[in-house]
Amino acid sequence: MTHGNPHHGVTPVRAALFPDGPDSLLLNPDISQSQWRGERVRAGLRPRIVLTGLAGAVLAVLAASSASGFTAVFALSAGILAIGASAVGGWYSATRVLTDHRHGPGSPCRLDRVRGAFFFRGRDFADLGAASTVARTLIASVDELHRSPARAWIDPALCGEVHRVVWQALCCLDRTRAARSVADDLAADPESEAGELATAARRAVTVVDDGLGEVARQVHGCLVATRAWEAKLRHIDLAARADSTLAVLPGHDHVRGLSEAAQAWPQAVFAHITAARDLTGAGAFPWEQPPSSWSPRHVLPHHSHSRGRSAGRALRRRAQSDGDLP
């Protein structure tokens, strides 16, 4: 078991586009990374792309070596544009060699020319009845296992072994096509001996289907465990986030101190405002009018009035003393 230094590998399942729509594909585990790089280089150097780049280079060289003029500038620009288009096209083709297979039925690429040579896709088994559902489930399960956060806690070799075994199971399923076809043909033959052969063929196919189902159940068991551990990891993460969030919140005593400090502000402001009113003779405030004209927001504590009068006397004394200065 590994932990503390998660190892996040790339999933061997890709979402790809095909002429019949999007589909998932499982990569062949026997294809090395160097081989995949070679396929990308080969896709980026397709004849059409290379010829476009060469034509642009030749045109640019001829334009640069010829006399100046509008034609030479136009030819040079066209050559540079062709080289740039070739480079972009090669890069685009190389990066999408695994995920874009919309080549049309008459022009397959190297990767999807032979089924199972580089990958299996979900629809490769669509004609195999109930086994097709199991095949698609296996592909999705391998993808989920490799993407799971729990993978950081699992032996990396185990995920690779699951990938390999699932691939071999799909290879076995793919090889049952001929046996299924023969069994159907024998079942339609009225001879009794042919009927016995059909039964034997069906039995052999059933053995493969049962083995495929057993592999699917075991992989599902792995996913049950990883999903449970993912839930534990989410709970641990949420608990840690809650602890760190609550740790930076101010304490009750600090908040209460702020509230107590703020309680004196309205009275102090009222005292200074009323003192300034008395000093300047600005007239009474609304709450100093007869009680019948008060509104609730103008009612202030009685001790605020007394504090305002004392503050007013202090301001008047300060004004008088200032007036005595030279």
Protein backbone atom coordinates (compact mmCIF):
# COMPACT_ATOMS: atom_id res chain seq x y z
CA MET A 1 0.00 0.00 0.00
CA THR A 2 1.22 3.49 -0.84
CA HIS A 3 0.13 6.79 0.62
CA GLY A 4 1.41 10.27 1.38
CA ASN A 5 2.90 10.62 -2.11
CA PRO A 6 0.00 9.88 -4.47
CA HIS A 7 0.79 8.39 -7.82
CA HIS A 8 -1.77 9.51 -10.37
CA GLY A 9 -1.37 7.52 -13.55
CA VAL A 10 -3.17 8.09 -16.79
CA THR A 11 -6.27 6.03 -17.36
CA PRO A 12 -6.06 3.48 -20.22
CA VAL A 13 -9.60 4.41 -21.25
CA ARG A 14 -10.20 7.28 -23.68
CA ALA A 15 -13.32 9.08 -24.83
CA ALA A 16 -13.11 9.16 -28.62
CA LEU A 17 -15.15 10.26 -31.61
CA PHE A 18 -16.11 7.80 -34.35
CA PRO A 19 -18.23 8.10 -37.51
CA ASP A 20 -21.13 6.54 -35.56
CA GLY A 21 -20.75 8.87 -32.59
CA PRO A 22 -18.72 9.15 -29.37
CA ASP A 23 -17.55 5.99 -27.64
CA SER A 24 -15.11 4.77 -24.98
CA LEU A 25 -12.05 2.74 -25.93
CA LEU A 26 -9.69 0.59 -23.87
CA LEU A 27 -6.04 0.77 -24.91
CA ASN A 28 -4.00 -2.37 -25.52
CA PRO A 29 -1.69 -2.80 -22.47
CA ASP A 30 0.97 -4.42 -24.68
CA ILE A 31 1.52 -1.19 -26.62
CA SER A 32 4.43 0.69 -25.04
CA GLN A 33 4.66 4.45 -24.65
CA SER A 34 7.38 4.58 -27.31
CA GLN A 35 5.04 2.87 -29.76
CA TRP A 36 2.29 5.36 -28.99
CA ARG A 37 4.74 8.21 -29.58
CA GLY A 38 5.65 6.64 -32.90
CA GLU A 39 1.99 6.52 -33.87
CA ARG A 40 1.59 10.19 -33.00
CA VAL A 41 4.61 11.11 -35.10
CA ARG A 42 3.28 9.01 -37.98
CA ALA A 43 -0.12 10.71 -37.72
CA GLY A 44 1.52 14.14 -37.71
CA LEU A 45 3.57 13.29 -40.81
CA ARG A 46 0.79 12.10 -43.08
CA PRO A 47 1.62 12.48 -46.79
CA ARG A 48 -0.86 15.28 -47.35
CA ILE A 49 0.52 17.28 -44.44
CA VAL A 50 4.14 16.72 -45.50
CA LEU A 51 3.45 17.60 -49.13
CA THR A 52 1.67 20.78 -48.10
CA GLY A 53 4.64 21.83 -45.99
CA LEU A 54 7.15 20.99 -48.73
CA ALA A 55 5.15 22.88 -51.33
CA GLY A 56 4.99 25.91 -49.04
CA ALA A 57 8.74 25.75 -48.40
CA VAL A 58 9.55 25.53 -52.11
CA LEU A 59 7.21 28.41 -52.88
CA ALA A 60 8.74 30.54 -50.13
CA VAL A 61 12.29 29.84 -51.31
CA LEU A 62 11.45 30.68 -54.93
CA ALA A 63 9.69 33.87 -53.88
CA ALA A 64 12.59 34.95 -51.70
CA SER A 65 15.12 34.35 -54.46
CA SER A 66 13.15 36.15 -57.14
CA ALA A 67 12.95 39.87 -57.75
CA SER A 68 10.89 42.00 -55.43
CA GLY A 69 7.36 42.90 -56.35
CA PHE A 70 3.76 42.18 -55.55
CA THR A 71 3.92 38.67 -57.05
CA ALA A 72 6.99 37.74 -55.02
CA VAL A 73 5.44 39.08 -51.80
CA PHE A 74 2.21 37.21 -52.51
CA ALA A 75 4.07 33.96 -53.25
CA LEU A 76 6.20 34.33 -50.14
CA SER A 77 3.12 34.92 -48.00
CA ALA A 78 1.38 31.91 -49.54
CA GLY A 79 4.42 29.73 -48.90
CA ILE A 80 4.69 30.80 -45.27
CA LEU A 81 0.95 30.26 -44.83
CA ALA A 82 1.22 26.74 -46.29
CA ILE A 83 4.12 25.90 -43.95
CA GLY A 84 2.16 27.19 -40.96
CA ALA A 85 -0.96 25.28 -41.98
CA SER A 86 1.11 22.13 -42.39
CA ALA A 87 2.65 22.53 -38.93
CA VAL A 88 -0.71 23.19 -37.27
CA GLY A 89 -2.35 20.33 -39.14
CA GLY A 90 0.41 17.91 -38.14
CA TRP A 91 0.22 18.97 -34.51
CA TYR A 92 -3.57 18.65 -34.49
CA SER A 93 -3.47 15.23 -36.12
CA ALA A 94 -0.79 13.98 -33.71
CA THR A 95 -2.58 15.13 -30.58
CA ARG A 96 -5.93 13.65 -31.63
CA VAL A 97 -4.66 10.35 -33.02
CA LEU A 98 -6.32 8.46 -30.13
CA THR A 99 -9.47 10.49 -29.71
CA ASP A 100 -10.64 11.35 -33.24
CA HIS A 101 -11.41 8.44 -35.56
CA ARG A 102 -13.93 10.14 -37.84
CA HIS A 103 -12.14 8.95 -40.97
CA GLY A 104 -15.10 7.39 -42.70
CA PRO A 105 -15.61 3.68 -43.43
CA GLY A 106 -13.45 3.74 -46.54
CA SER A 107 -10.39 5.37 -45.01
CA PRO A 108 -9.63 3.93 -41.56
CA CYS A 109 -6.45 4.96 -39.78
CA ARG A 110 -3.81 2.52 -38.60
CA LEU A 111 -5.24 2.37 -35.10
CA ASP A 112 -8.79 1.30 -35.96
CA ARG A 113 -7.98 -0.68 -39.09
CA VAL A 114 -7.88 -3.99 -37.16
CA ARG A 115 -10.22 -4.42 -34.19
CA GLY A 116 -8.25 -5.14 -31.02
CA ALA A 117 -4.84 -4.32 -32.46
CA PHE A 118 -4.52 -1.05 -30.56
CA PHE A 119 -7.78 -0.80 -28.64
CA PHE A 120 -11.26 -2.16 -28.09
CA ARG A 121 -14.21 0.20 -28.14
CA GLY A 122 -17.55 -0.33 -26.46
CA ARG A 123 -19.45 -0.80 -29.71
CA ASP A 124 -17.07 -3.52 -30.87
CA PHE A 125 -19.20 -5.98 -28.90
CA ALA A 126 -22.63 -4.57 -29.72
CA ASP A 127 -23.50 -7.67 -31.80
CA LEU A 128 -22.82 -10.14 -28.98
CA GLY A 129 -26.07 -9.77 -27.09
CA ALA A 130 -25.94 -9.58 -23.30
CA ALA A 131 -22.15 -9.94 -23.34
CA SER A 132 -21.90 -6.49 -24.92
CA THR A 133 -23.29 -4.90 -21.74
CA VAL A 134 -20.70 -6.72 -19.64
CA ALA A 135 -17.92 -5.58 -21.99
CA ARG A 136 -18.96 -1.94 -21.74
CA THR A 137 -19.23 -2.26 -17.95
CA LEU A 138 -15.69 -3.64 -17.78
CA ILE A 139 -14.30 -0.76 -19.82
CA ALA A 140 -16.08 1.79 -17.63
CA SER A 141 -14.89 0.00 -14.48
CA VAL A 142 -11.24 0.11 -15.55
CA ASP A 143 -11.61 3.82 -16.21
CA GLU A 144 -13.19 4.46 -12.80
CA LEU A 145 -10.54 2.44 -10.99
CA HIS A 146 -7.69 4.39 -12.62
CA ARG A 147 -9.35 7.76 -11.98
CA SER A 148 -10.31 7.04 -8.38
CA PRO A 149 -8.59 9.10 -5.65
CA ALA A 150 -8.26 5.81 -3.78
CA ARG A 151 -5.69 4.72 -6.37
CA ALA A 152 -3.02 6.61 -4.43
CA TRP A 153 -3.50 4.04 -1.65
CA ILE A 154 -3.37 0.97 -3.92
CA ASP A 155 -0.37 -0.86 -5.29
CA PRO A 156 0.13 0.62 -8.79
CA ALA A 157 0.84 -2.85 -10.14
CA LEU A 158 -2.66 -3.96 -9.12
CA CYS A 159 -4.35 -1.39 -11.37
CA GLY A 160 -2.11 -2.49 -14.24
CA GLU A 161 -3.04 -6.12 -13.58
CA VAL A 162 -6.74 -5.26 -13.67
CA HIS A 163 -6.22 -3.51 -17.00
CA ARG A 164 -4.37 -6.51 -18.44
CA VAL A 165 -6.87 -9.13 -17.24
CA VAL A 166 -9.83 -7.11 -18.52
CA TRP A 167 -8.09 -6.73 -21.88
CA GLN A 168 -7.50 -10.49 -22.09
CA ALA A 169 -11.14 -11.14 -21.16
CA LEU A 170 -12.28 -8.85 -23.97
CA CYS A 171 -9.92 -10.67 -26.37
CA CYS A 172 -11.55 -13.97 -25.38
CA LEU A 173 -14.98 -12.47 -25.91
CA ASP A 174 -13.95 -11.14 -29.32
CA ARG A 175 -12.82 -14.63 -30.36
CA THR A 176 -16.27 -16.06 -29.64
CA ARG A 177 -17.75 -14.37 -32.70
CA ALA A 178 -16.96 -17.28 -35.00
CA ALA A 179 -18.21 -19.82 -32.45
CA ARG A 180 -21.48 -17.92 -32.02
CA SER A 181 -21.95 -17.75 -35.77
CA VAL A 182 -21.20 -21.47 -36.17
CA ALA A 183 -23.57 -22.32 -33.34
CA ASP A 184 -26.36 -20.36 -35.00
CA ASP A 185 -25.70 -22.07 -38.34
CA LEU A 186 -25.60 -25.52 -36.73
CA ALA A 187 -28.78 -24.85 -34.79
CA ALA A 188 -30.55 -24.18 -38.08
CA ASP A 189 -29.33 -27.54 -39.53
CA PRO A 190 -32.02 -30.22 -39.19
CA GLU A 191 -29.52 -33.09 -38.76
CA SER A 192 -29.25 -34.38 -35.19
CA GLU A 193 -25.43 -34.57 -35.30
CA ALA A 194 -25.29 -30.94 -36.27
CA GLY A 195 -27.62 -30.19 -33.37
CA GLU A 196 -25.16 -31.81 -30.97
CA LEU A 197 -22.35 -29.72 -32.43
CA ALA A 198 -24.46 -26.60 -31.97
CA THR A 199 -25.00 -27.51 -28.33
CA ALA A 200 -21.26 -27.99 -27.84
CA ALA A 201 -20.51 -24.65 -29.49
CA ARG A 202 -23.09 -22.92 -27.34
CA ARG A 203 -21.60 -24.53 -24.25
CA ALA A 204 -18.13 -23.28 -25.15
CA VAL A 205 -19.46 -19.75 -25.69
CA THR A 206 -21.31 -19.93 -22.38
CA VAL A 207 -18.06 -20.79 -20.59
CA VAL A 208 -16.46 -17.64 -21.99
CA ASP A 209 -19.48 -15.50 -21.12
CA ASP A 210 -19.53 -16.87 -17.57
CA GLY A 211 -15.82 -16.16 -17.17
CA LEU A 212 -16.36 -12.63 -18.45
CA GLY A 213 -19.17 -12.14 -15.95
CA GLU A 214 -16.96 -13.39 -13.12
CA VAL A 215 -14.23 -10.90 -14.07
CA ALA A 216 -16.85 -8.15 -14.08
CA ARG A 217 -18.03 -9.15 -10.58
CA GLN A 218 -14.50 -9.11 -9.22
CA VAL A 219 -13.77 -5.71 -10.73
CA HIS A 220 -17.05 -4.45 -9.27
CA GLY A 221 -15.87 -5.69 -5.88
CA CYS A 222 -12.74 -3.55 -6.28
CA LEU A 223 -14.90 -0.54 -7.09
CA VAL A 224 -17.10 -1.11 -4.04
CA ALA A 225 -13.98 -0.91 -1.86
CA THR A 226 -12.55 2.16 -3.63
CA ARG A 227 -15.88 3.98 -3.46
CA ALA A 228 -16.10 3.33 0.26
CA TRP A 229 -12.56 4.64 0.75
CA GLU A 230 -13.35 7.68 -1.41
CA ALA A 231 -16.24 8.45 0.94
CA LYS A 232 -13.86 8.15 3.89
CA LEU A 233 -11.37 10.47 2.19
CA ARG A 234 -14.09 13.03 1.50
CA HIS A 235 -15.16 12.88 5.17
CA ILE A 236 -11.55 13.31 6.35
CA ASP A 237 -11.06 16.25 3.99
CA LEU A 238 -14.28 17.94 5.11
CA ALA A 239 -13.38 17.42 8.77
CA ALA A 240 -9.93 18.92 8.22
CA ARG A 241 -11.40 21.89 6.34
CA ALA A 242 -13.96 22.44 9.10
CA ASP A 243 -11.26 22.36 11.79
CA SER A 244 -9.03 24.81 9.92
CA THR A 245 -11.97 27.11 9.17
CA LEU A 246 -13.21 27.18 12.75
CA ALA A 247 -9.67 27.70 14.06
CA VAL A 248 -9.37 31.11 12.40
CA LEU A 249 -12.74 32.38 13.64
CA PRO A 250 -12.57 34.98 16.48
CA GLY A 251 -13.42 33.73 19.95
CA HIS A 252 -16.52 34.58 21.97
CA ASP A 253 -14.62 36.82 24.38
CA HIS A 254 -13.14 38.83 21.51
CA VAL A 255 -16.54 39.37 19.86
CA ARG A 256 -18.14 40.29 23.20
CA GLY A 257 -15.38 42.81 23.83
CA LEU A 258 -16.09 44.42 20.48
CA SER A 259 -19.79 44.65 21.30
CA GLU A 260 -19.11 46.20 24.71
CA ALA A 261 -16.73 48.73 23.15
CA ALA A 262 -19.35 49.74 20.61
CA GLN A 263 -22.11 50.28 23.18
CA ALA A 264 -20.69 53.64 24.30
CA TRP A 265 -20.47 55.11 20.81
CA PRO A 266 -24.09 56.31 20.31
CA GLN A 267 -24.09 58.14 23.67
CA ALA A 268 -20.74 59.79 22.98
CA VAL A 269 -21.79 60.91 19.51
CA PHE A 270 -25.11 62.21 20.87
CA ALA A 271 -23.34 64.18 23.56
CA HIS A 272 -20.99 65.88 21.13
CA ILE A 273 -23.73 66.60 18.58
CA THR A 274 -26.05 68.19 21.12
CA ALA A 275 -23.17 70.17 22.55
CA ALA A 276 -22.35 71.46 19.09
CA ARG A 277 -26.04 72.32 18.63
CA ASP A 278 -26.07 74.34 21.83
CA LEU A 279 -22.84 76.09 20.91
CA THR A 280 -24.01 77.06 17.45
CA GLY A 281 -27.64 77.68 18.36
CA ALA A 282 -28.90 75.42 15.56
CA GLY A 283 -32.19 74.71 17.29
CA ALA A 284 -33.81 71.69 18.86
CA PHE A 285 -33.60 68.17 17.43
CA PRO A 286 -36.84 66.32 16.63
CA TRP A 287 -36.63 64.25 19.81
CA GLU A 288 -36.51 67.48 21.83
CA GLN A 289 -39.93 68.47 20.55
CA PRO A 290 -43.09 67.69 22.47
CA PRO A 291 -43.52 63.93 23.05
CA SER A 292 -46.56 63.79 20.78
CA SER A 293 -44.34 64.58 17.76
CA TRP A 294 -41.66 61.97 18.51
CA SER A 295 -41.09 58.97 16.33
CA PRO A 296 -39.54 55.75 17.74
CA ARG A 297 -36.21 56.33 16.04
CA HIS A 298 -35.84 59.73 17.69
CA VAL A 299 -36.26 58.47 21.27
CA LEU A 300 -32.92 58.42 23.10
CA PRO A 301 -32.05 57.45 26.69
CA HIS A 302 -32.53 60.11 29.35
CA HIS A 303 -28.90 60.01 30.45
CA SER A 304 -27.89 60.90 26.89
CA HIS A 305 -29.61 64.29 27.29
CA SER A 306 -27.76 65.00 30.53
CA ARG A 307 -24.48 63.93 28.97
CA GLY A 308 -25.19 66.22 26.02
CA ARG A 309 -25.76 69.19 28.32
CA SER A 310 -22.47 68.57 30.16
CA ALA A 311 -20.62 68.21 26.85
CA GLY A 312 -22.21 71.48 25.70
CA ARG A 313 -20.97 73.31 28.76
CA ALA A 314 -17.46 71.94 28.14
CA LEU A 315 -17.51 73.17 24.54
CA ARG A 316 -18.71 76.63 25.58
CA ARG A 317 -15.92 76.91 28.14
CA ARG A 318 -13.40 75.86 25.48
CA ALA A 319 -14.77 78.50 23.11
CA GLN A 320 -14.57 81.21 25.75
CA SER A 321 -10.98 80.28 26.63
CA ASP A 322 -10.06 80.36 22.96
CA GLY A 323 -11.58 83.81 22.73
CA ASP A 324 -9.29 85.08 25.47
CA LEU A 325 -6.19 84.11 23.51
CA PRO A 326 -4.29 86.97 21.73
